[in-house]
Amino acid sequence: MTEGSHGIERLRGKTTMHEVLEVATSFEASARDFYTGLIPRVSKRIRYLVEELAAEEQEHFDLFSKLAQRADLAEQVKVEIERTASDSKFSDCLHLPDLGEHPDDQSVLQYAMGREHAAMAHYTELAETTPVGPIRDLFIYLASEETKHKLELEKLYYETIHRGGGV
């Protein structure tokens, strides 16, 4: 490998905080829109959950939007960081599945658990690699939120699917 191509490979492994925030904002917007579209199509047993998920994703979108507008962070968003190992899995979540006209509870819960897991892993890695400051604080907060959501979904999944209990 030549010195020039080695340099290009190193650059591909980097991203700016601005790019990270753009992808994260898109991730939250796509989740919000996906869950909002599911609300009238899911069973009444989990409709409240899908409504809550849509509202939580809107809150996360709002947090990123407000952060992006802060003039005091203009320099921090230019900072380059290493791409995280979870970056591609997180980005893959921007591509939404087609769960059909009347998705079953199990499919909705499985998708939501996978999405929350990807977000939890990505925000945790970003919190570990982002310079100290408000953006890092946001990633720490979101990693904690996504972890709680994932645990709640896993509990509900177990109760609903494995025990056959009502939601």
Protein backbone atom coordinates (compact mmCIF):
# COMPACT_ATOMS: atom_id res chain seq x y z
CA MET A 1 0.00 0.00 0.00
CA THR A 2 1.43 3.40 -0.95
CA GLU A 3 1.59 6.29 1.47
CA GLY A 4 -1.15 8.10 -0.46
CA SER A 5 -3.57 5.19 -0.39
CA HIS A 6 -2.82 4.59 3.30
CA GLY A 7 -3.79 8.23 3.96
CA ILE A 8 -7.05 7.79 2.07
CA GLU A 9 -7.88 4.69 4.12
CA ARG A 10 -7.25 6.64 7.31
CA LEU A 11 -9.56 9.44 6.12
CA ARG A 12 -12.34 6.94 5.35
CA GLY A 13 -12.17 5.85 8.97
CA LYS A 14 -12.89 9.39 10.15
CA THR A 15 -16.01 11.48 10.26
CA THR A 16 -16.90 14.87 11.63
CA MET A 17 -19.24 15.47 14.52
CA HIS A 18 -21.43 17.38 12.05
CA GLU A 19 -21.80 14.25 9.90
CA VAL A 20 -22.50 12.13 12.98
CA LEU A 21 -25.22 14.53 14.09
CA GLU A 22 -26.77 14.58 10.61
CA VAL A 23 -26.99 10.78 10.49
CA ALA A 24 -28.35 10.63 14.05
CA THR A 25 -30.97 13.26 13.24
CA SER A 26 -32.02 11.28 10.14
CA PHE A 27 -32.12 8.09 12.24
CA GLU A 28 -34.48 9.66 14.76
CA ALA A 29 -36.67 11.24 12.05
CA SER A 30 -37.01 7.97 10.14
CA ALA A 31 -37.92 6.13 13.35
CA ARG A 32 -40.50 8.76 14.28
CA ASP A 33 -42.07 8.63 10.83
CA PHE A 34 -42.01 4.83 10.76
CA TYR A 35 -43.69 4.47 14.14
CA THR A 36 -46.20 7.23 13.36
CA GLY A 37 -47.17 5.38 10.18
CA LEU A 38 -47.56 2.14 12.12
CA ILE A 39 -49.96 3.54 14.74
CA PRO A 40 -53.21 2.96 12.80
CA ARG A 41 -51.99 -0.43 11.49
CA VAL A 42 -50.93 -2.24 14.66
CA SER A 43 -53.11 -4.16 17.06
CA LYS A 44 -54.78 -2.29 19.89
CA ARG A 45 -52.66 -4.36 22.29
CA ILE A 46 -49.46 -2.52 21.32
CA ARG A 47 -50.79 0.70 19.84
CA TYR A 48 -49.94 2.65 23.00
CA LEU A 49 -46.34 1.40 22.72
CA VAL A 50 -45.96 2.48 19.11
CA GLU A 51 -47.40 5.91 20.03
CA GLU A 52 -44.84 6.18 22.85
CA LEU A 53 -42.00 5.16 20.54
CA ALA A 54 -43.00 7.79 17.99
CA ALA A 55 -43.11 10.47 20.71
CA GLU A 56 -39.71 9.43 22.11
CA GLU A 57 -38.12 9.53 18.66
CA GLN A 58 -39.58 13.02 18.16
CA GLU A 59 -37.98 14.12 21.45
CA HIS A 60 -34.61 12.79 20.30
CA PHE A 61 -35.01 14.52 16.93
CA ASP A 62 -35.78 17.77 18.75
CA LEU A 63 -32.66 17.40 20.91
CA PHE A 64 -30.43 16.98 17.85
CA SER A 65 -32.12 19.87 16.05
CA LYS A 66 -31.62 22.22 18.99
CA LEU A 67 -28.00 21.15 19.35
CA ALA A 68 -27.32 21.78 15.65
CA GLN A 69 -28.59 25.36 16.03
CA ARG A 70 -26.27 26.27 18.88
CA ALA A 71 -23.68 28.80 17.73
CA ASP A 72 -21.38 27.93 20.63
CA LEU A 73 -20.87 24.44 19.16
CA ALA A 74 -19.77 25.54 15.68
CA GLU A 75 -16.16 24.53 16.32
CA GLN A 76 -16.98 21.28 18.09
CA VAL A 77 -19.06 19.95 15.18
CA LYS A 78 -16.02 20.34 12.91
CA VAL A 79 -13.98 17.96 15.06
CA GLU A 80 -13.07 14.68 13.37
CA ILE A 81 -13.51 11.42 15.23
CA GLU A 82 -12.95 7.79 14.32
CA ARG A 83 -15.96 6.05 12.83
CA THR A 84 -17.45 3.68 15.37
CA ALA A 85 -17.76 -0.05 14.78
CA SER A 86 -21.54 0.37 15.08
CA ASP A 87 -21.69 3.08 12.41
CA SER A 88 -22.81 0.84 9.53
CA LYS A 89 -25.43 -1.04 11.60
CA PHE A 90 -26.80 2.29 12.81
CA SER A 91 -26.93 3.67 9.26
CA ASP A 92 -28.62 0.48 8.05
CA CYS A 93 -31.55 1.32 10.34
CA LEU A 94 -32.36 4.26 8.07
CA HIS A 95 -33.70 1.65 5.63
CA LEU A 96 -37.08 0.72 7.01
CA PRO A 97 -38.74 -2.68 6.62
CA ASP A 98 -42.13 -3.22 5.08
CA LEU A 99 -44.14 -4.88 7.83
CA GLY A 100 -47.27 -5.05 5.69
CA GLU A 101 -50.70 -3.52 6.09
CA HIS A 102 -51.45 -5.26 9.41
CA PRO A 103 -48.15 -6.11 11.09
CA ASP A 104 -48.29 -8.66 13.89
CA ASP A 105 -47.17 -7.73 17.40
CA GLN A 106 -44.12 -9.97 17.26
CA SER A 107 -42.75 -8.36 14.06
CA VAL A 108 -43.24 -4.84 15.42
CA LEU A 109 -41.59 -5.69 18.74
CA GLN A 110 -38.67 -7.49 17.05
CA TYR A 111 -38.03 -4.54 14.76
CA ALA A 112 -38.27 -2.04 17.63
CA MET A 113 -35.89 -4.09 19.81
CA GLY A 114 -33.35 -4.29 16.98
CA ARG A 115 -33.55 -0.59 16.30
CA GLU A 116 -33.20 0.31 19.98
CA HIS A 117 -30.23 -2.04 20.28
CA ALA A 118 -28.50 -0.44 17.28
CA ALA A 119 -29.12 3.04 18.70
CA MET A 120 -27.95 2.02 22.18
CA ALA A 121 -24.70 0.53 20.83
CA HIS A 122 -24.02 3.48 18.52
CA TYR A 123 -24.71 6.21 21.07
CA THR A 124 -22.62 4.34 23.67
CA GLU A 125 -19.65 4.16 21.28
CA LEU A 126 -20.09 7.81 20.32
CA ALA A 127 -20.18 8.83 23.98
CA GLU A 128 -16.87 7.01 24.46
CA THR A 129 -15.16 8.66 21.46
CA THR A 130 -16.64 12.16 21.42
CA PRO A 131 -14.67 14.99 23.04
CA VAL A 132 -15.95 16.21 26.42
CA GLY A 133 -18.78 18.71 26.00
CA PRO A 134 -22.48 19.04 25.25
CA ILE A 135 -22.45 16.65 22.29
CA ARG A 136 -20.84 13.92 24.39
CA ASP A 137 -23.37 14.61 27.16
CA LEU A 138 -26.18 14.17 24.65
CA PHE A 139 -24.78 10.81 23.49
CA ILE A 140 -24.45 9.62 27.09
CA TYR A 141 -28.06 10.62 27.74
CA LEU A 142 -29.33 8.96 24.55
CA ALA A 143 -27.37 5.75 25.20
CA SER A 144 -29.06 5.56 28.60
CA GLU A 145 -32.50 6.27 27.10
CA GLU A 146 -32.10 3.67 24.35
CA THR A 147 -30.92 1.11 26.92
CA LYS A 148 -34.08 1.70 28.98
CA HIS A 149 -36.26 1.44 25.87
CA LYS A 150 -34.59 -1.80 24.81
CA LEU A 151 -35.07 -3.36 28.25
CA GLU A 152 -38.74 -2.30 28.34
CA LEU A 153 -39.31 -3.76 24.87
CA GLU A 154 -37.58 -7.01 25.80
CA LYS A 155 -39.80 -7.33 28.87
CA LEU A 156 -42.92 -6.63 26.84
CA TYR A 157 -41.78 -9.05 24.12
CA TYR A 158 -41.29 -11.80 26.68
CA GLU A 159 -44.67 -11.15 28.29
CA THR A 160 -46.49 -10.91 24.97
CA ILE A 161 -44.84 -13.56 22.84
CA HIS A 162 -43.39 -16.13 25.21
CA ARG A 163 -46.02 -16.02 27.90
CA GLY A 164 -48.88 -15.18 25.59
CA GLY A 165 -49.95 -12.46 27.98
CA GLY A 166 -51.84 -9.34 27.06
CA VAL A 167 -50.27 -5.97 26.70
